[in-house]
Amino acid sequence: MQTRLQRFEFNQIRMGVDTPIVVYAPDEEHAVRACRAAYTRISALEQMMSDYRANSELNLLCQRAVGRWVRVSAELFYVLWRAQKLAHQTDGAFDITVGPLVRLWREARRTGKLPDEAALQEARARSGYRLLELSRAKRAVRLHAEGMQLDLGGIAKGYACDSALRVLRQHGIQHALIQMGGDIVAGEAPPGESGWKIALAAPTLDDSTNYLLLKNGALATSGSTEQYVEIEGVRYAHIIDPRTGLGLTRLILARVRARDGITADSLATAAAVLGMPDAKRLERLYKGVRVQVWEAGLRQTATKLTPNGRL
């Protein structure tokens, strides 16, 4: 006789955002044990990839790898390699070396003042994906400029969701969904359903809502609709265009559906920077990916992706 699965929901803060996990498990004890392990896994990745934590593996790498090879963990190397691959594919529209610029614009959002032009140029000199070199043979990283700062904000959460789902599966849980901000990764559909029903407030000026079903895949959104600062009548988003060094000034929202979170997360960031029609070429680069971009008639605040309307 097959055990009837029950729905359990949990929520903790990880990587600075609410991280709800929904699972179907035989009992609460099984669900708690599996989800605790999943959250522990995300915490380990945060310690590895955070640019906020001074002693993270990522920040220590930035301090030690200028002009010399530094060996890194297999997971960090994989994420860096995926990021560099996308940087080359997009001619730098996606670029994890924008850390110096990100820090300038974080300060701008805090103070409401534009970065000083000299500071902006200096930060740009310490950015650029060609300044980051990877060696697969050595599993090592080398940086080519002093003061470089890597920022994995456009890729790490997707990878963390993938990793958490793998942990849940190792604990025998197949029916699961993980969300971190605008990133959602789903396993098997809820029992008796064809997919997780994701309610999406439409990115238009009306209040219409549409839905999609997600199963064994990922969905990510990125754009300029939520985190921004308005300075001298110009709206600058938290997403930096690495090619200009400026926060995005146009209202844009990108949504990407892919087979895994690391792909969806990074491509959504790239699509928001690229805009249409360039973003659509990402579909040709990654099998099974669907990219949608809106640049007109958007709401002023971002829509939240709400699995089954209950998270």
Protein backbone atom coordinates (compact mmCIF):
# COMPACT_ATOMS: atom_id res chain seq x y z
CA MET A 1 0.00 0.00 0.00
CA GLN A 2 1.43 3.36 -1.05
CA THR A 3 1.94 5.91 1.74
CA ARG A 4 -0.19 9.02 1.33
CA LEU A 5 2.00 12.08 0.96
CA GLN A 6 1.28 15.26 2.91
CA ARG A 7 2.15 18.84 2.05
CA PHE A 8 4.61 20.72 4.28
CA GLU A 9 5.82 24.30 3.94
CA PHE A 10 8.87 25.97 5.47
CA ASN A 11 10.48 29.39 5.12
CA GLN A 12 13.86 30.70 6.21
CA ILE A 13 16.08 33.62 5.16
CA ARG A 14 19.00 32.58 2.97
CA MET A 15 21.25 34.74 0.77
CA GLY A 16 19.35 37.76 2.02
CA VAL A 17 15.91 36.67 0.77
CA ASP A 18 12.94 34.62 1.92
CA THR A 19 13.55 31.03 0.88
CA PRO A 20 10.31 29.03 1.06
CA ILE A 21 10.44 25.29 0.45
CA VAL A 22 7.31 23.22 -0.18
CA VAL A 23 7.51 19.43 -0.09
CA TYR A 24 5.24 16.40 -0.10
CA ALA A 25 6.45 13.80 2.38
CA PRO A 26 5.06 10.77 4.24
CA ASP A 27 5.17 12.60 7.60
CA GLU A 28 6.39 15.76 9.28
CA GLU A 29 9.55 14.19 10.67
CA HIS A 30 10.68 13.19 7.18
CA ALA A 31 9.86 16.64 5.79
CA VAL A 32 11.67 18.50 8.57
CA ARG A 33 14.79 16.37 8.28
CA ALA A 34 14.99 16.81 4.50
CA CYS A 35 14.29 20.54 4.48
CA ARG A 36 16.73 21.17 7.32
CA ALA A 37 19.41 19.50 5.22
CA ALA A 38 18.40 21.59 2.19
CA TYR A 39 18.67 24.85 4.15
CA THR A 40 22.05 23.74 5.55
CA ARG A 41 23.21 23.14 2.00
CA ILE A 42 22.16 26.64 0.92
CA SER A 43 23.97 28.12 3.94
CA ALA A 44 27.17 26.36 2.90
CA LEU A 45 26.85 27.80 -0.60
CA GLU A 46 26.22 31.26 0.83
CA GLN A 47 29.46 31.03 2.79
CA MET A 48 31.19 29.99 -0.41
CA MET A 49 29.72 32.54 -2.85
CA SER A 50 28.66 35.62 -0.87
CA ASP A 51 30.24 38.99 -1.64
CA TYR A 52 28.87 40.35 1.64
CA ARG A 53 30.78 37.97 3.92
CA ALA A 54 34.41 39.02 4.32
CA ASN A 55 35.62 35.44 4.83
CA SER A 56 33.61 33.80 2.06
CA GLU A 57 35.56 31.71 -0.42
CA LEU A 58 34.63 34.20 -3.14
CA ASN A 59 35.97 37.22 -1.24
CA LEU A 60 39.14 35.45 -0.17
CA LEU A 61 39.67 34.53 -3.82
CA CYS A 62 39.38 38.18 -4.84
CA GLN A 63 42.06 39.08 -2.29
CA ARG A 64 44.50 36.32 -3.23
CA ALA A 65 44.18 35.71 -6.96
CA VAL A 66 45.50 38.98 -8.40
CA GLY A 67 48.27 38.03 -10.81
CA ARG A 68 48.50 34.43 -9.67
CA TRP A 69 46.56 31.19 -9.90
CA VAL A 70 44.45 30.24 -6.89
CA ARG A 71 42.79 26.84 -6.70
CA VAL A 72 39.12 26.91 -5.67
CA SER A 73 36.45 24.41 -4.68
CA ALA A 74 34.83 22.40 -7.45
CA GLU A 75 31.45 24.07 -6.93
CA LEU A 76 32.72 27.62 -6.97
CA PHE A 77 34.76 26.85 -10.07
CA TYR A 78 31.70 25.42 -11.82
CA VAL A 79 29.62 28.53 -11.11
CA LEU A 80 32.48 30.80 -12.25
CA TRP A 81 32.89 28.72 -15.40
CA ARG A 82 29.17 28.92 -16.22
CA ALA A 83 29.26 32.67 -15.63
CA GLN A 84 32.27 33.18 -17.90
CA LYS A 85 30.71 31.05 -20.61
CA LEU A 86 27.64 33.29 -20.62
CA ALA A 87 29.80 36.42 -20.50
CA HIS A 88 31.54 35.36 -23.71
CA GLN A 89 28.23 34.37 -25.33
CA THR A 90 26.70 37.79 -24.58
CA ASP A 91 29.81 39.91 -25.24
CA GLY A 92 29.85 41.00 -21.62
CA ALA A 93 26.16 41.79 -21.09
CA PHE A 94 26.39 39.21 -18.31
CA ASP A 95 29.52 39.79 -16.26
CA ILE A 96 30.33 38.71 -12.69
CA THR A 97 33.32 41.08 -12.46
CA VAL A 98 30.99 44.06 -11.95
CA GLY A 99 31.46 43.97 -8.16
CA PRO A 100 33.18 47.39 -7.95
CA LEU A 101 30.35 48.94 -9.95
CA VAL A 102 27.67 47.15 -7.90
CA ARG A 103 29.14 48.57 -4.71
CA LEU A 104 29.11 52.09 -6.15
CA TRP A 105 25.45 51.80 -7.09
CA ARG A 106 24.51 50.27 -3.73
CA GLU A 107 25.91 53.45 -2.19
CA ALA A 108 24.02 55.54 -4.73
CA ARG A 109 20.74 53.90 -3.78
CA ARG A 110 21.52 54.54 -0.12
CA THR A 111 22.48 58.21 -0.53
CA GLY A 112 20.37 59.17 -3.54
CA LYS A 113 23.46 60.62 -5.23
CA LEU A 114 25.08 59.60 -8.50
CA PRO A 115 28.53 58.01 -8.27
CA ASP A 116 31.38 60.43 -8.85
CA GLU A 117 32.57 60.22 -12.47
CA ALA A 118 36.16 59.52 -11.42
CA ALA A 119 35.01 56.76 -9.07
CA LEU A 120 32.86 55.31 -11.82
CA GLN A 121 35.75 55.22 -14.27
CA GLU A 122 38.03 53.69 -11.66
CA ALA A 123 35.47 50.98 -10.92
CA ARG A 124 35.09 50.26 -14.63
CA ALA A 125 38.86 49.81 -14.89
CA ARG A 126 38.59 47.04 -12.28
CA SER A 127 35.72 45.33 -14.11
CA GLY A 128 35.45 43.32 -17.31
CA TYR A 129 35.08 39.60 -17.85
CA ARG A 130 38.36 39.44 -19.79
CA LEU A 131 40.16 40.31 -16.54
CA LEU A 132 39.02 36.97 -15.07
CA GLU A 133 40.90 33.86 -16.21
CA LEU A 134 39.98 30.27 -15.44
CA SER A 135 42.04 27.09 -15.76
CA ARG A 136 39.99 23.92 -15.92
CA ALA A 137 43.14 21.81 -15.71
CA LYS A 138 44.20 23.47 -12.46
CA ARG A 139 40.65 24.23 -11.26
CA ALA A 140 42.07 27.63 -10.53
CA VAL A 141 41.32 31.32 -10.99
CA ARG A 142 43.52 34.29 -11.82
CA LEU A 143 42.56 37.97 -11.74
CA HIS A 144 44.32 40.55 -13.88
CA ALA A 145 43.63 43.78 -11.98
CA GLU A 146 44.01 44.97 -8.41
CA GLY A 147 40.80 45.60 -6.52
CA MET A 148 38.59 43.30 -8.57
CA GLN A 149 35.41 42.07 -6.90
CA LEU A 150 33.36 39.19 -8.24
CA ASP A 151 29.60 39.32 -7.74
CA LEU A 152 27.52 36.16 -8.21
CA GLY A 153 24.19 37.84 -7.52
CA GLY A 154 22.88 36.95 -10.99
CA ILE A 155 23.64 33.24 -10.83
CA ALA A 156 24.22 31.92 -7.29
CA LYS A 157 20.61 31.75 -6.13
CA GLY A 158 19.62 29.63 -9.11
CA TYR A 159 22.48 27.24 -8.37
CA ALA A 160 21.53 27.16 -4.68
CA CYS A 161 17.96 26.17 -5.57
CA ASP A 162 19.28 23.37 -7.78
CA SER A 163 21.51 22.15 -4.97
CA ALA A 164 18.69 22.24 -2.41
CA LEU A 165 16.47 20.19 -4.73
CA ARG A 166 19.23 17.58 -5.08
CA VAL A 167 19.44 17.32 -1.29
CA LEU A 168 15.68 16.82 -1.00
CA ARG A 169 15.85 14.05 -3.60
CA GLN A 170 18.67 12.39 -1.66
CA HIS A 171 16.27 12.31 1.29
CA GLY A 172 13.65 10.57 -0.84
CA ILE A 173 11.54 13.65 -1.55
CA GLN A 174 10.65 14.01 -5.22
CA HIS A 175 7.68 16.42 -5.03
CA ALA A 176 9.27 19.73 -4.04
CA LEU A 177 9.55 23.40 -4.89
CA ILE A 178 12.17 25.95 -3.76
CA GLN A 179 11.99 29.72 -4.23
CA MET A 180 14.69 32.35 -3.60
CA GLY A 181 13.50 35.80 -4.59
CA GLY A 182 12.76 35.70 -8.30
CA ASP A 183 14.12 32.18 -8.74
CA ILE A 184 11.97 29.04 -8.55
CA VAL A 185 13.12 25.45 -9.02
CA ALA A 186 10.63 22.58 -9.03
CA GLY A 187 10.89 18.82 -8.81
CA GLU A 188 8.06 16.42 -9.52
CA ALA A 189 4.56 17.89 -9.53
CA PRO A 190 2.35 17.68 -6.44
CA PRO A 191 0.63 14.29 -6.22
CA GLY A 192 -2.24 14.08 -8.68
CA GLU A 193 -1.27 17.29 -10.47
CA SER A 194 0.44 17.86 -13.81
CA GLY A 195 2.71 20.58 -12.41
CA TRP A 196 3.23 23.20 -9.74
CA LYS A 197 0.80 26.01 -10.50
CA ILE A 198 2.79 29.23 -10.54
CA ALA A 199 0.63 32.35 -10.36
CA LEU A 200 2.22 35.21 -12.26
CA ALA A 201 0.87 38.72 -12.01
CA ALA A 202 1.06 39.88 -15.61
CA PRO A 203 3.68 42.58 -16.24
CA THR A 204 1.15 45.05 -17.62
CA LEU A 205 -0.74 48.05 -16.35
CA ASP A 206 -3.89 46.05 -15.68
CA ASP A 207 -4.48 43.53 -12.90
CA SER A 208 -4.69 40.42 -15.06
CA THR A 209 -3.01 37.25 -13.82
CA ASN A 210 -1.82 34.23 -15.72
CA TYR A 211 -0.47 30.87 -14.68
CA LEU A 212 2.02 28.30 -15.77
CA LEU A 213 2.71 24.74 -14.66
CA LEU A 214 6.26 23.94 -13.62
CA LYS A 215 7.66 20.44 -13.23
CA ASN A 216 11.30 19.33 -13.08
CA GLY A 217 12.43 22.74 -14.23
CA ALA A 218 13.13 26.31 -13.23
CA LEU A 219 11.69 29.79 -13.68
CA ALA A 220 13.49 33.07 -13.03
CA THR A 221 12.61 36.74 -13.36
CA SER A 222 14.92 39.73 -13.40
CA GLY A 223 14.45 43.36 -14.21
CA SER A 224 14.40 47.00 -13.23
CA THR A 225 10.90 47.19 -11.79
CA GLU A 226 11.64 46.73 -8.09
CA GLN A 227 15.07 47.80 -6.77
CA TYR A 228 16.05 51.22 -8.08
CA VAL A 229 16.90 54.78 -7.17
CA GLU A 230 15.64 57.94 -8.87
CA ILE A 231 18.27 60.67 -9.19
CA GLU A 232 17.71 63.95 -11.00
CA GLY A 233 14.65 62.52 -12.72
CA VAL A 234 16.41 59.39 -13.99
CA ARG A 235 15.57 55.94 -12.67
CA TYR A 236 18.62 53.69 -12.10
CA ALA A 237 17.99 50.00 -11.35
CA HIS A 238 20.08 47.72 -9.13
CA ILE A 239 21.04 45.69 -12.22
CA ILE A 240 24.23 47.05 -13.76
CA ASP A 241 24.84 47.07 -17.48
CA PRO A 242 28.50 45.95 -17.48
CA ARG A 243 29.03 47.57 -20.87
CA THR A 244 28.23 51.08 -19.58
CA GLY A 245 28.85 50.77 -15.84
CA LEU A 246 25.42 52.29 -15.15
CA GLY A 247 22.32 50.89 -13.52
CA LEU A 248 19.64 50.05 -16.08
CA THR A 249 17.61 53.16 -16.85
CA ARG A 250 14.83 51.58 -18.91
CA LEU A 251 11.87 49.76 -17.41
CA ILE A 252 12.32 46.09 -18.30
CA LEU A 253 11.34 42.69 -17.00
CA ALA A 254 12.76 39.36 -18.21
CA ARG A 255 11.37 35.92 -17.48
CA VAL A 256 13.26 32.73 -18.33
CA ARG A 257 12.11 29.14 -18.13
CA ALA A 258 14.85 26.49 -18.23
CA ARG A 259 15.68 22.96 -17.16
CA ASP A 260 17.61 24.13 -14.07
CA GLY A 261 17.99 27.13 -11.81
CA ILE A 262 21.54 28.15 -12.67
CA THR A 263 20.53 28.51 -16.32
CA ALA A 264 17.27 30.33 -15.65
CA ASP A 265 18.81 32.73 -13.12
CA SER A 266 21.82 33.75 -15.19
CA LEU A 267 19.89 34.02 -18.46
CA ALA A 268 17.20 36.18 -16.84
CA THR A 269 19.89 38.62 -15.69
CA ALA A 270 21.48 38.62 -19.15
CA ALA A 271 18.12 39.09 -20.87
CA ALA A 272 17.28 42.10 -18.70
CA VAL A 273 20.53 43.77 -19.76
CA LEU A 274 20.29 42.76 -23.41
CA GLY A 275 16.66 43.73 -23.94
CA MET A 276 14.77 42.81 -27.09
CA PRO A 277 15.46 41.53 -29.66
CA ASP A 278 18.95 40.42 -28.52
CA ALA A 279 17.64 38.49 -25.52
CA LYS A 280 15.80 36.04 -27.77
CA ARG A 281 19.08 34.67 -29.13
CA LEU A 282 19.64 33.09 -25.72
CA GLU A 283 17.04 30.52 -26.75
CA ARG A 284 19.33 29.40 -29.54
CA LEU A 285 22.28 29.05 -27.19
CA TYR A 286 20.55 26.95 -24.51
CA LYS A 287 18.38 23.97 -25.38
CA GLY A 288 14.84 24.00 -24.05
CA VAL A 289 15.02 27.59 -22.78
CA ARG A 290 12.19 30.07 -23.20
CA VAL A 291 12.89 33.79 -22.82
CA GLN A 292 10.24 36.50 -22.47
CA VAL A 293 11.03 40.20 -22.16
CA TRP A 294 8.70 43.16 -21.59
CA GLU A 295 9.84 46.74 -22.05
CA ALA A 296 6.58 48.70 -22.18
CA GLY A 297 3.45 48.98 -20.07
CA LEU A 298 5.13 47.52 -16.99
CA ARG A 299 4.06 47.98 -13.42
CA GLN A 300 6.31 50.19 -11.33
CA THR A 301 6.87 47.38 -8.84
CA ALA A 302 7.90 43.84 -9.59
CA THR A 303 5.45 40.99 -9.64
CA LYS A 304 6.06 38.12 -7.27
CA LEU A 305 6.02 34.54 -8.40
CA THR A 306 3.73 32.72 -6.03
CA PRO A 307 3.64 28.92 -6.20
CA ASN A 308 0.02 27.80 -5.81
CA GLY A 309 -0.73 31.18 -4.27
CA ARG A 310 0.37 29.91 -0.87
CA LEU A 311 3.96 30.94 -0.28
